[in-house]
Amino acid sequence: MPKLGIFLRNMGPQSTRETLSACAHLADEGTVDDLWLADHVAIPPDQSEGSNGRYLDPLATAAYLAAATRRIHFGTGVLVVPYRPALPTAKWIATIQELSGGRFLFGVGSGWMEPEFKALGVARNQRGKLTDATLDLVNRAFAGDEVIENGQTFLFRPRPPRPPIFVGGSIEVAIPRAARYGDGWLPTGGDLDKLARGFDELRRAFDAAGKTNPELVCMTSLAIDDPKEAVEKARALVKIGATRIVHGERYADEKRFAAIVRTLDEVRQDLGA
């Protein structure tokens, strides 16, 4: 049975401490497996609809909510890797993984928003190279206590088990990157034919890399107000290979979030039947 998750709004008016905490507790007390967080650091005014430019850092938010929950996992969907230096990013991930008791899921992407790259002073045309370099360092850092970077040997501690790495993006770019550095593909949308084609390519790429059991993490939207339809879509995603299904919507408040949790509880019961 696949893992079921919810996209937690760490942006806009829903991103207050009170609402985030209430929603995390609702999920933690239900059967939802994980909560996912978005990443933007410099939204331009003309692209701020829905958030008004208010975004909480996903790593800080995951750390904060992990401390207030007991079992729910927290994922980045996705962390835009080129926005941050590689080594501090690896340290953030190791710290969250250590203090949460292994409840972090590392979803990554290379980004797309030109104004955001400009505000950060990062060359957008280098985003692929920067993403690969960071994922390479993360893998090396979690593989052994002593790491060499920029010609300097240092100790990488704490060193908990590496969280799974799920690579977001297009079939052409994300799947080779996932096969090289990660554990699965994290696409967005509900085009079943495209997802099935991508997962076939993912399995082939993993086979060629000598890796097994690739994950397919589907960021999509389920019919929360029609549990029967939600189950049908979830079953269709499982049929093509989805190992995780993450529901996302612009919920207004914790009351609506509670309805999402209830529907996903029903979906789990039906999928497990």
C-alpha atoms as a PDB file:
ATOM      1  CA  MET A   1       0.000   0.000   0.000  1.00  0.00           C
ATOM      2  CA  PRO A   2       1.357   3.447  -0.857  1.00  0.00           C
ATOM      3  CA  LYS A   3       2.214   6.121   1.652  1.00  0.00           C
ATOM      4  CA  LEU A   4      -0.287   8.987   1.734  1.00  0.00           C
ATOM      5  CA  GLY A   5       0.712  12.592   2.302  1.00  0.00           C
ATOM      6  CA  ILE A   6      -0.580  16.156   2.295  1.00  0.00           C
ATOM      7  CA  PHE A   7       1.020  19.331   1.029  1.00  0.00           C
ATOM      8  CA  LEU A   8       1.180  21.575   4.092  1.00  0.00           C
ATOM      9  CA  ARG A   9       0.811  25.263   3.254  1.00  0.00           C
ATOM     10  CA  ASN A  10       3.937  26.915   4.618  1.00  0.00           C
ATOM     11  CA  MET A  11       2.955  29.960   2.597  1.00  0.00           C
ATOM     12  CA  GLY A  12       0.243  32.587   2.617  1.00  0.00           C
ATOM     13  CA  PRO A  13      -2.260  33.164   5.437  1.00  0.00           C
ATOM     14  CA  GLN A  14      -2.258  29.471   6.372  1.00  0.00           C
ATOM     15  CA  SER A  15       1.390  29.625   7.395  1.00  0.00           C
ATOM     16  CA  THR A  16       0.895  31.000  10.891  1.00  0.00           C
ATOM     17  CA  ARG A  17       2.435  29.107  13.789  1.00  0.00           C
ATOM     18  CA  GLU A  18      -1.020  28.295  15.128  1.00  0.00           C
ATOM     19  CA  THR A  19      -2.452  26.900  11.883  1.00  0.00           C
ATOM     20  CA  LEU A  20       0.665  24.971  10.941  1.00  0.00           C
ATOM     21  CA  SER A  21       0.853  23.394  14.392  1.00  0.00           C
ATOM     22  CA  ALA A  22      -2.846  22.518  14.415  1.00  0.00           C
ATOM     23  CA  CYS A  23      -2.642  20.921  10.960  1.00  0.00           C
ATOM     24  CA  ALA A  24       0.495  18.969  11.841  1.00  0.00           C
ATOM     25  CA  HIS A  25      -1.180  17.603  14.968  1.00  0.00           C
ATOM     26  CA  LEU A  26      -4.291  16.606  13.002  1.00  0.00           C
ATOM     27  CA  ALA A  27      -2.130  14.667  10.549  1.00  0.00           C
ATOM     28  CA  ASP A  28      -0.022  13.155  13.304  1.00  0.00           C
ATOM     29  CA  GLU A  29      -3.102  11.866  15.114  1.00  0.00           C
ATOM     30  CA  GLY A  30      -4.576  10.339  11.940  1.00  0.00           C
ATOM     31  CA  THR A  31      -3.092   7.816   9.539  1.00  0.00           C
ATOM     32  CA  VAL A  32      -1.457  10.281   7.132  1.00  0.00           C
ATOM     33  CA  ASP A  33       2.172   9.312   6.554  1.00  0.00           C
ATOM     34  CA  ASP A  34       3.836  12.591   5.660  1.00  0.00           C
ATOM     35  CA  LEU A  35       3.519  16.339   5.229  1.00  0.00           C
ATOM     36  CA  TRP A  36       5.277  18.213   2.433  1.00  0.00           C
ATOM     37  CA  LEU A  37       6.595  21.766   2.298  1.00  0.00           C
ATOM     38  CA  ALA A  38       7.299  24.156  -0.567  1.00  0.00           C
ATOM     39  CA  ASP A  39      10.381  26.308  -1.112  1.00  0.00           C
ATOM     40  CA  HIS A  40      10.553  29.924  -2.245  1.00  0.00           C
ATOM     41  CA  VAL A  41      12.836  32.567  -0.796  1.00  0.00           C
ATOM     42  CA  ALA A  42      12.305  35.640  -2.996  1.00  0.00           C
ATOM     43  CA  ILE A  43       8.906  35.819  -4.706  1.00  0.00           C
ATOM     44  CA  PRO A  44       8.523  38.861  -6.997  1.00  0.00           C
ATOM     45  CA  PRO A  45       5.331  40.906  -6.463  1.00  0.00           C
ATOM     46  CA  ASP A  46       3.808  39.945  -9.825  1.00  0.00           C
ATOM     47  CA  GLN A  47       4.029  36.231  -8.969  1.00  0.00           C
ATOM     48  CA  SER A  48       2.799  36.363  -5.389  1.00  0.00           C
ATOM     49  CA  GLU A  49      -0.851  35.420  -5.949  1.00  0.00           C
ATOM     50  CA  GLY A  50      -1.959  32.965  -3.284  1.00  0.00           C
ATOM     51  CA  SER A  51       0.939  33.667  -0.945  1.00  0.00           C
ATOM     52  CA  ASN A  52       1.421  37.462  -0.979  1.00  0.00           C
ATOM     53  CA  GLY A  53       5.122  36.630  -0.941  1.00  0.00           C
ATOM     54  CA  ARG A  54       4.908  34.998   2.498  1.00  0.00           C
ATOM     55  CA  TYR A  55       6.892  31.730   2.566  1.00  0.00           C
ATOM     56  CA  LEU A  56       8.392  30.042   5.596  1.00  0.00           C
ATOM     57  CA  ASP A  57      11.664  28.233   5.026  1.00  0.00           C
ATOM     58  CA  PRO A  58      10.803  24.530   4.547  1.00  0.00           C
ATOM     59  CA  LEU A  59      13.790  23.196   6.479  1.00  0.00           C
ATOM     60  CA  ALA A  60      13.165  25.416   9.489  1.00  0.00           C
ATOM     61  CA  THR A  61       9.450  24.578   9.339  1.00  0.00           C
ATOM     62  CA  ALA A  62      10.143  20.845   9.184  1.00  0.00           C
ATOM     63  CA  ALA A  63      12.471  21.098  12.185  1.00  0.00           C
ATOM     64  CA  TYR A  64       9.923  23.106  14.169  1.00  0.00           C
ATOM     65  CA  LEU A  65       7.002  20.784  13.458  1.00  0.00           C
ATOM     66  CA  ALA A  66       9.013  17.601  13.911  1.00  0.00           C
ATOM     67  CA  ALA A  67       9.698  18.691  17.479  1.00  0.00           C
ATOM     68  CA  ALA A  68       5.955  19.032  18.101  1.00  0.00           C
ATOM     69  CA  THR A  69       4.874  15.697  16.586  1.00  0.00           C
ATOM     70  CA  ARG A  70       5.640  12.055  17.251  1.00  0.00           C
ATOM     71  CA  ARG A  71       5.391   9.974  14.068  1.00  0.00           C
ATOM     72  CA  ILE A  72       4.539  12.026  10.966  1.00  0.00           C
ATOM     73  CA  HIS A  73       7.305  12.456   8.368  1.00  0.00           C
ATOM     74  CA  PHE A  74       8.180  15.793   6.754  1.00  0.00           C
ATOM     75  CA  GLY A  75       9.270  16.220   3.159  1.00  0.00           C
ATOM     76  CA  THR A  76      10.427  19.069   0.962  1.00  0.00           C
ATOM     77  CA  GLY A  77       8.407  19.219  -2.193  1.00  0.00           C
ATOM     78  CA  VAL A  78      10.806  20.400  -3.416  1.00  0.00           C
ATOM     79  CA  LEU A  79      13.845  22.077  -1.896  1.00  0.00           C
ATOM     80  CA  VAL A  80      15.369  24.200  -4.676  1.00  0.00           C
ATOM     81  CA  VAL A  81      18.910  22.931  -4.246  1.00  0.00           C
ATOM     82  CA  PRO A  82      20.857  25.637  -6.148  1.00  0.00           C
ATOM     83  CA  TYR A  83      19.502  28.339  -3.814  1.00  0.00           C
ATOM     84  CA  ARG A  84      21.714  27.186  -0.932  1.00  0.00           C
ATOM     85  CA  PRO A  85      25.378  26.271  -0.412  1.00  0.00           C
ATOM     86  CA  ALA A  86      25.887  22.511  -0.506  1.00  0.00           C
ATOM     87  CA  LEU A  87      27.576  21.881   2.827  1.00  0.00           C
ATOM     88  CA  PRO A  88      25.201  23.930   5.029  1.00  0.00           C
ATOM     89  CA  THR A  89      22.321  22.208   3.233  1.00  0.00           C
ATOM     90  CA  ALA A  90      23.750  18.799   4.092  1.00  0.00           C
ATOM     91  CA  LYS A  91      24.140  19.925   7.704  1.00  0.00           C
ATOM     92  CA  TRP A  92      20.522  21.103   7.861  1.00  0.00           C
ATOM     93  CA  ILE A  93      19.319  17.770   6.526  1.00  0.00           C
ATOM     94  CA  ALA A  94      21.445  15.735   8.912  1.00  0.00           C
ATOM     95  CA  THR A  95      20.277  17.832  11.853  1.00  0.00           C
ATOM     96  CA  ILE A  96      16.580  17.464  11.031  1.00  0.00           C
ATOM     97  CA  GLN A  97      17.030  13.755  10.412  1.00  0.00           C
ATOM     98  CA  GLU A  98      18.878  13.333  13.706  1.00  0.00           C
ATOM     99  CA  LEU A  99      16.508  15.347  15.894  1.00  0.00           C
ATOM    100  CA  SER A 100      13.309  14.038  14.272  1.00  0.00           C
ATOM    101  CA  GLY A 101      14.319  10.413  14.712  1.00  0.00           C
ATOM    102  CA  GLY A 102      14.633   9.756  10.993  1.00  0.00           C
ATOM    103  CA  ARG A 103      11.414  11.452   9.809  1.00  0.00           C
ATOM    104  CA  PHE A 104      12.762  13.579   6.976  1.00  0.00           C
ATOM    105  CA  LEU A 105      12.131  13.074   3.242  1.00  0.00           C
ATOM    106  CA  PHE A 106      14.440  14.998   0.927  1.00  0.00           C
ATOM    107  CA  GLY A 107      12.578  16.107  -2.172  1.00  0.00           C
ATOM    108  CA  VAL A 108      14.805  18.163  -4.461  1.00  0.00           C
ATOM    109  CA  GLY A 109      14.588  20.247  -7.599  1.00  0.00           C
ATOM    110  CA  SER A 110      16.765  22.577  -9.616  1.00  0.00           C
ATOM    111  CA  GLY A 111      14.327  25.507  -9.754  1.00  0.00           C
ATOM    112  CA  TRP A 112      12.849  27.603 -12.545  1.00  0.00           C
ATOM    113  CA  MET A 113      11.948  31.142 -11.393  1.00  0.00           C
ATOM    114  CA  GLU A 114      14.368  33.585 -13.013  1.00  0.00           C
ATOM    115  CA  PRO A 115      13.652  36.533 -10.645  1.00  0.00           C
ATOM    116  CA  GLU A 116      14.374  34.315  -7.645  1.00  0.00           C
ATOM    117  CA  PHE A 117      17.731  33.225  -9.027  1.00  0.00           C
ATOM    118  CA  LYS A 118      18.501  36.861  -9.764  1.00  0.00           C
ATOM    119  CA  ALA A 119      17.645  37.984  -6.222  1.00  0.00           C
ATOM    120  CA  LEU A 120      19.904  35.269  -4.820  1.00  0.00           C
ATOM    121  CA  GLY A 121      22.764  36.089  -7.151  1.00  0.00           C
ATOM    122  CA  VAL A 122      22.795  32.525  -8.485  1.00  0.00           C
ATOM    123  CA  ALA A 123      23.262  31.866 -12.199  1.00  0.00           C
ATOM    124  CA  ARG A 124      20.121  30.115 -13.414  1.00  0.00           C
ATOM    125  CA  ASN A 125      22.029  28.454 -16.252  1.00  0.00           C
ATOM    126  CA  GLN A 126      24.192  26.709 -13.637  1.00  0.00           C
ATOM    127  CA  ARG A 127      21.279  25.246 -11.687  1.00  0.00           C
ATOM    128  CA  GLY A 128      21.708  21.696 -12.977  1.00  0.00           C
ATOM    129  CA  LYS A 129      25.426  21.656 -12.204  1.00  0.00           C
ATOM    130  CA  LEU A 130      24.817  23.084  -8.716  1.00  0.00           C
ATOM    131  CA  THR A 131      22.073  20.548  -8.027  1.00  0.00           C
ATOM    132  CA  ASP A 132      24.297  17.631  -8.994  1.00  0.00           C
ATOM    133  CA  ALA A 133      27.183  18.942  -6.887  1.00  0.00           C
ATOM    134  CA  THR A 134      24.969  19.274  -3.814  1.00  0.00           C
ATOM    135  CA  LEU A 135      23.442  15.808  -4.201  1.00  0.00           C
ATOM    136  CA  ASP A 136      26.902  14.348  -4.680  1.00  0.00           C
ATOM    137  CA  LEU A 137      28.076  15.973  -1.446  1.00  0.00           C
ATOM    138  CA  VAL A 138      24.968  14.862   0.467  1.00  0.00           C
ATOM    139  CA  ASN A 139      25.545  11.261  -0.587  1.00  0.00           C
ATOM    140  CA  ARG A 140      29.222  11.391   0.338  1.00  0.00           C
ATOM    141  CA  ALA A 141      28.538  13.106   3.662  1.00  0.00           C
ATOM    142  CA  PHE A 142      26.028  10.499   4.780  1.00  0.00           C
ATOM    143  CA  ALA A 143      28.303   7.661   3.654  1.00  0.00           C
ATOM    144  CA  GLY A 144      31.160   8.280   6.114  1.00  0.00           C
ATOM    145  CA  ASP A 145      32.220  10.476   9.018  1.00  0.00           C
ATOM    146  CA  GLU A 146      35.201  11.912   7.147  1.00  0.00           C
ATOM    147  CA  VAL A 147      34.445  13.930   4.019  1.00  0.00           C
ATOM    148  CA  ILE A 148      36.691  15.842   1.633  1.00  0.00           C
ATOM    149  CA  GLU A 149      35.342  19.005   0.047  1.00  0.00           C
ATOM    150  CA  ASN A 150      37.338  21.733  -1.679  1.00  0.00           C
ATOM    151  CA  GLY A 151      40.500  19.849  -0.722  1.00  0.00           C
ATOM    152  CA  GLN A 152      39.662  19.956   2.992  1.00  0.00           C
ATOM    153  CA  THR A 153      38.979  16.882   5.109  1.00  0.00           C
ATOM    154  CA  PHE A 154      36.368  17.371   7.836  1.00  0.00           C
ATOM    155  CA  LEU A 155      34.100  15.372  10.113  1.00  0.00           C
ATOM    156  CA  PHE A 156      30.437  15.197   9.167  1.00  0.00           C
ATOM    157  CA  ARG A 157      28.599  14.558  12.421  1.00  0.00           C
ATOM    158  CA  PRO A 158      25.941  13.823  13.431  1.00  0.00           C
ATOM    159  CA  ARG A 159      25.518  11.289  10.675  1.00  0.00           C
ATOM    160  CA  PRO A 160      22.108   9.618  10.960  1.00  0.00           C
ATOM    161  CA  PRO A 161      20.841   7.384   8.139  1.00  0.00           C
ATOM    162  CA  ARG A 162      20.504   9.398   4.940  1.00  0.00           C
ATOM    163  CA  PRO A 163      16.892  10.347   4.228  1.00  0.00           C
ATOM    164  CA  PRO A 164      15.454   9.158   0.924  1.00  0.00           C
ATOM    165  CA  ILE A 165      16.129  11.534  -1.958  1.00  0.00           C
ATOM    166  CA  PHE A 166      13.271  12.127  -4.391  1.00  0.00           C
ATOM    167  CA  VAL A 167      14.087  14.147  -7.493  1.00  0.00           C
ATOM    168  CA  GLY A 168      11.468  16.452  -8.968  1.00  0.00           C
ATOM    169  CA  GLY A 169      11.329  17.650 -12.534  1.00  0.00           C
ATOM    170  CA  SER A 170      10.796  16.405 -16.060  1.00  0.00           C
ATOM    171  CA  ILE A 171      11.317  12.835 -17.209  1.00  0.00           C
ATOM    172  CA  GLU A 172      14.321  13.838 -19.295  1.00  0.00           C
ATOM    173  CA  VAL A 173      16.183  15.615 -16.484  1.00  0.00           C
ATOM    174  CA  ALA A 174      14.921  14.213 -13.190  1.00  0.00           C
ATOM    175  CA  ILE A 175      15.066  10.501 -13.933  1.00  0.00           C
ATOM    176  CA  PRO A 176      18.782  10.327 -14.819  1.00  0.00           C
ATOM    177  CA  ARG A 177      19.494  12.466 -11.742  1.00  0.00           C
ATOM    178  CA  ALA A 178      17.367  10.204  -9.542  1.00  0.00           C
ATOM    179  CA  ALA A 179      19.132   7.104 -10.838  1.00  0.00           C
ATOM    180  CA  ARG A 180      22.509   8.643 -10.124  1.00  0.00           C
ATOM    181  CA  TYR A 181      21.904  10.326  -6.770  1.00  0.00           C
ATOM    182  CA  GLY A 182      18.524   9.386  -5.373  1.00  0.00           C
ATOM    183  CA  ASP A 183      15.817   6.932  -4.507  1.00  0.00           C
ATOM    184  CA  GLY A 184      12.930   7.966  -6.717  1.00  0.00           C
ATOM    185  CA  TRP A 185      11.117  10.457  -8.928  1.00  0.00           C
ATOM    186  CA  LEU A 186       8.778  13.178  -7.631  1.00  0.00           C
ATOM    187  CA  PRO A 187       6.555  14.398 -10.485  1.00  0.00           C
ATOM    188  CA  THR A 188       3.669  16.858 -10.217  1.00  0.00           C
ATOM    189  CA  GLY A 189       0.300  16.372 -11.887  1.00  0.00           C
ATOM    190  CA  GLY A 190      -2.151  13.615 -12.681  1.00  0.00           C
ATOM    191  CA  ASP A 191      -1.432  12.613 -16.292  1.00  0.00           C
ATOM    192  CA  LEU A 192      -1.483   8.840 -15.846  1.00  0.00           C
ATOM    193  CA  ASP A 193       0.041   8.060 -19.234  1.00  0.00           C
ATOM    194  CA  LYS A 194       2.949  10.409 -18.623  1.00  0.00           C
ATOM    195  CA  LEU A 195       3.479   9.071 -15.107  1.00  0.00           C
ATOM    196  CA  ALA A 196       3.417   5.477 -16.336  1.00  0.00           C
ATOM    197  CA  ARG A 197       5.903   6.263 -19.101  1.00  0.00           C
ATOM    198  CA  GLY A 198       8.155   8.073 -16.656  1.00  0.00           C
ATOM    199  CA  PHE A 199       8.063   5.247 -14.136  1.00  0.00           C
ATOM    200  CA  ASP A 200       8.983   2.733 -16.830  1.00  0.00           C
ATOM    201  CA  GLU A 201      11.994   4.895 -17.680  1.00  0.00           C
ATOM    202  CA  LEU A 202      12.817   5.237 -14.000  1.00  0.00           C
ATOM    203  CA  ARG A 203      12.912   1.459 -13.544  1.00  0.00           C
ATOM    204  CA  ARG A 204      15.144   1.066 -16.572  1.00  0.00           C
ATOM    205  CA  ALA A 205      17.480   3.807 -15.330  1.00  0.00           C
ATOM    206  CA  PHE A 206      17.689   2.207 -11.890  1.00  0.00           C
ATOM    207  CA  ASP A 207      18.386  -1.198 -13.418  1.00  0.00           C
ATOM    208  CA  ALA A 208      21.217   0.290 -15.485  1.00  0.00           C
ATOM    209  CA  ALA A 209      22.632   1.928 -12.340  1.00  0.00           C
ATOM    210  CA  GLY A 210      22.469  -1.333 -10.389  1.00  0.00           C
ATOM    211  CA  LYS A 211      19.809   0.045  -8.057  1.00  0.00           C
ATOM    212  CA  THR A 212      16.493  -1.511  -7.030  1.00  0.00           C
ATOM    213  CA  ASN A 213      13.012  -0.491  -5.895  1.00  0.00           C
ATOM    214  CA  PRO A 214      12.721   3.067  -7.236  1.00  0.00           C
ATOM    215  CA  GLU A 215       9.971   5.144  -5.672  1.00  0.00           C
ATOM    216  CA  LEU A 216       7.324   7.120  -7.539  1.00  0.00           C
ATOM    217  CA  VAL A 217       6.097  10.030  -5.402  1.00  0.00           C
ATOM    218  CA  CYS A 218       3.045  11.560  -7.072  1.00  0.00           C
ATOM    219  CA  MET A 219       2.209  15.159  -6.181  1.00  0.00           C
ATOM    220  CA  THR A 220      -1.410  15.452  -7.253  1.00  0.00           C
ATOM    221  CA  SER A 221      -4.909  16.424  -6.150  1.00  0.00           C
ATOM    222  CA  LEU A 222      -7.589  14.028  -4.950  1.00  0.00           C
ATOM    223  CA  ALA A 223     -11.343  14.653  -4.798  1.00  0.00           C
ATOM    224  CA  ILE A 224     -11.496  15.276  -1.069  1.00  0.00           C
ATOM    225  CA  ASP A 225     -15.256  15.911  -1.078  1.00  0.00           C
ATOM    226  CA  ASP A 226     -15.902  12.667  -2.976  1.00  0.00           C
ATOM    227  CA  PRO A 227     -14.044   9.854  -1.189  1.00  0.00           C
ATOM    228  CA  LYS A 228     -15.154   7.281  -3.750  1.00  0.00           C
ATOM    229  CA  GLU A 229     -13.580   9.297  -6.581  1.00  0.00           C
ATOM    230  CA  ALA A 230     -10.487   9.915  -4.449  1.00  0.00           C
ATOM    231  CA  VAL A 231     -10.074   6.163  -3.946  1.00  0.00           C
ATOM    232  CA  GLU A 232     -10.475   5.503  -7.679  1.00  0.00           C
ATOM    233  CA  LYS A 233      -7.738   7.979  -8.552  1.00  0.00           C
ATOM    234  CA  ALA A 234      -5.464   6.636  -5.832  1.00  0.00           C
ATOM    235  CA  ARG A 235      -5.967   3.105  -7.155  1.00  0.00           C
ATOM    236  CA  ALA A 236      -5.115   4.266 -10.677  1.00  0.00           C
ATOM    237  CA  LEU A 237      -1.889   5.835  -9.399  1.00  0.00           C
ATOM    238  CA  VAL A 238      -0.972   2.692  -7.483  1.00  0.00           C
ATOM    239  CA  LYS A 239      -1.605   0.618 -10.600  1.00  0.00           C
ATOM    240  CA  ILE A 240       1.074   2.525 -12.520  1.00  0.00           C
ATOM    241  CA  GLY A 241       3.548   2.189  -9.652  1.00  0.00           C
ATOM    242  CA  ALA A 242       3.009   5.065  -7.202  1.00  0.00           C
ATOM    243  CA  THR A 243       4.652   4.329  -3.865  1.00  0.00           C
ATOM    244  CA  ARG A 244       3.606   7.668  -2.356  1.00  0.00           C
ATOM    245  CA  ILE A 245       0.596   9.861  -3.151  1.00  0.00           C
ATOM    246  CA  VAL A 246       0.635  13.460  -1.926  1.00  0.00           C
ATOM    247  CA  HIS A 247      -2.556  15.521  -2.045  1.00  0.00           C
ATOM    248  CA  GLY A 248      -2.253  19.263  -2.508  1.00  0.00           C
ATOM    249  CA  GLU A 249      -4.859  22.036  -2.465  1.00  0.00           C
ATOM    250  CA  ARG A 250      -5.260  25.628  -1.284  1.00  0.00           C
ATOM    251  CA  TYR A 251      -7.139  24.779   1.889  1.00  0.00           C
ATOM    252  CA  ALA A 252      -8.422  27.789   3.811  1.00  0.00           C
ATOM    253  CA  ASP A 253      -7.934  26.704   7.407  1.00  0.00           C
ATOM    254  CA  GLU A 254      -7.472  23.797   9.795  1.00  0.00           C
ATOM    255  CA  LYS A 255     -11.160  22.838   9.484  1.00  0.00           C
ATOM    256  CA  ARG A 256     -10.678  22.107   5.795  1.00  0.00           C
ATOM    257  CA  PHE A 257      -7.369  20.409   6.569  1.00  0.00           C
ATOM    258  CA  ALA A 258      -9.207  18.101   8.984  1.00  0.00           C
ATOM    259  CA  ALA A 259     -11.546  17.103   6.126  1.00  0.00           C
ATOM    260  CA  ILE A 260      -8.495  16.223   4.003  1.00  0.00           C
ATOM    261  CA  VAL A 261      -7.127  14.037   6.792  1.00  0.00           C
ATOM    262  CA  ARG A 262     -10.480  12.239   7.146  1.00  0.00           C
ATOM    263  CA  THR A 263     -10.703  11.533   3.422  1.00  0.00           C
ATOM    264  CA  LEU A 264      -7.154  10.221   3.269  1.00  0.00           C
ATOM    265  CA  ASP A 265      -7.972   7.956   6.214  1.00  0.00           C
ATOM    266  CA  GLU A 266     -10.855   6.572   4.130  1.00  0.00           C
ATOM    267  CA  VAL A 267      -8.612   6.196   1.079  1.00  0.00           C
ATOM    268  CA  ARG A 268      -6.125   4.207   3.155  1.00  0.00           C
ATOM    269  CA  GLN A 269      -8.854   1.904   4.441  1.00  0.00           C
ATOM    270  CA  ASP A 270     -10.126   1.219   0.920  1.00  0.00           C
ATOM    271  CA  LEU A 271      -6.655   0.680  -0.552  1.00  0.00           C
ATOM    272  CA  GLY A 272      -5.848  -1.725   2.247  1.00  0.00           C
ATOM    273  CA  ALA A 273      -9.055  -3.726   1.736  1.00  0.00           C
END
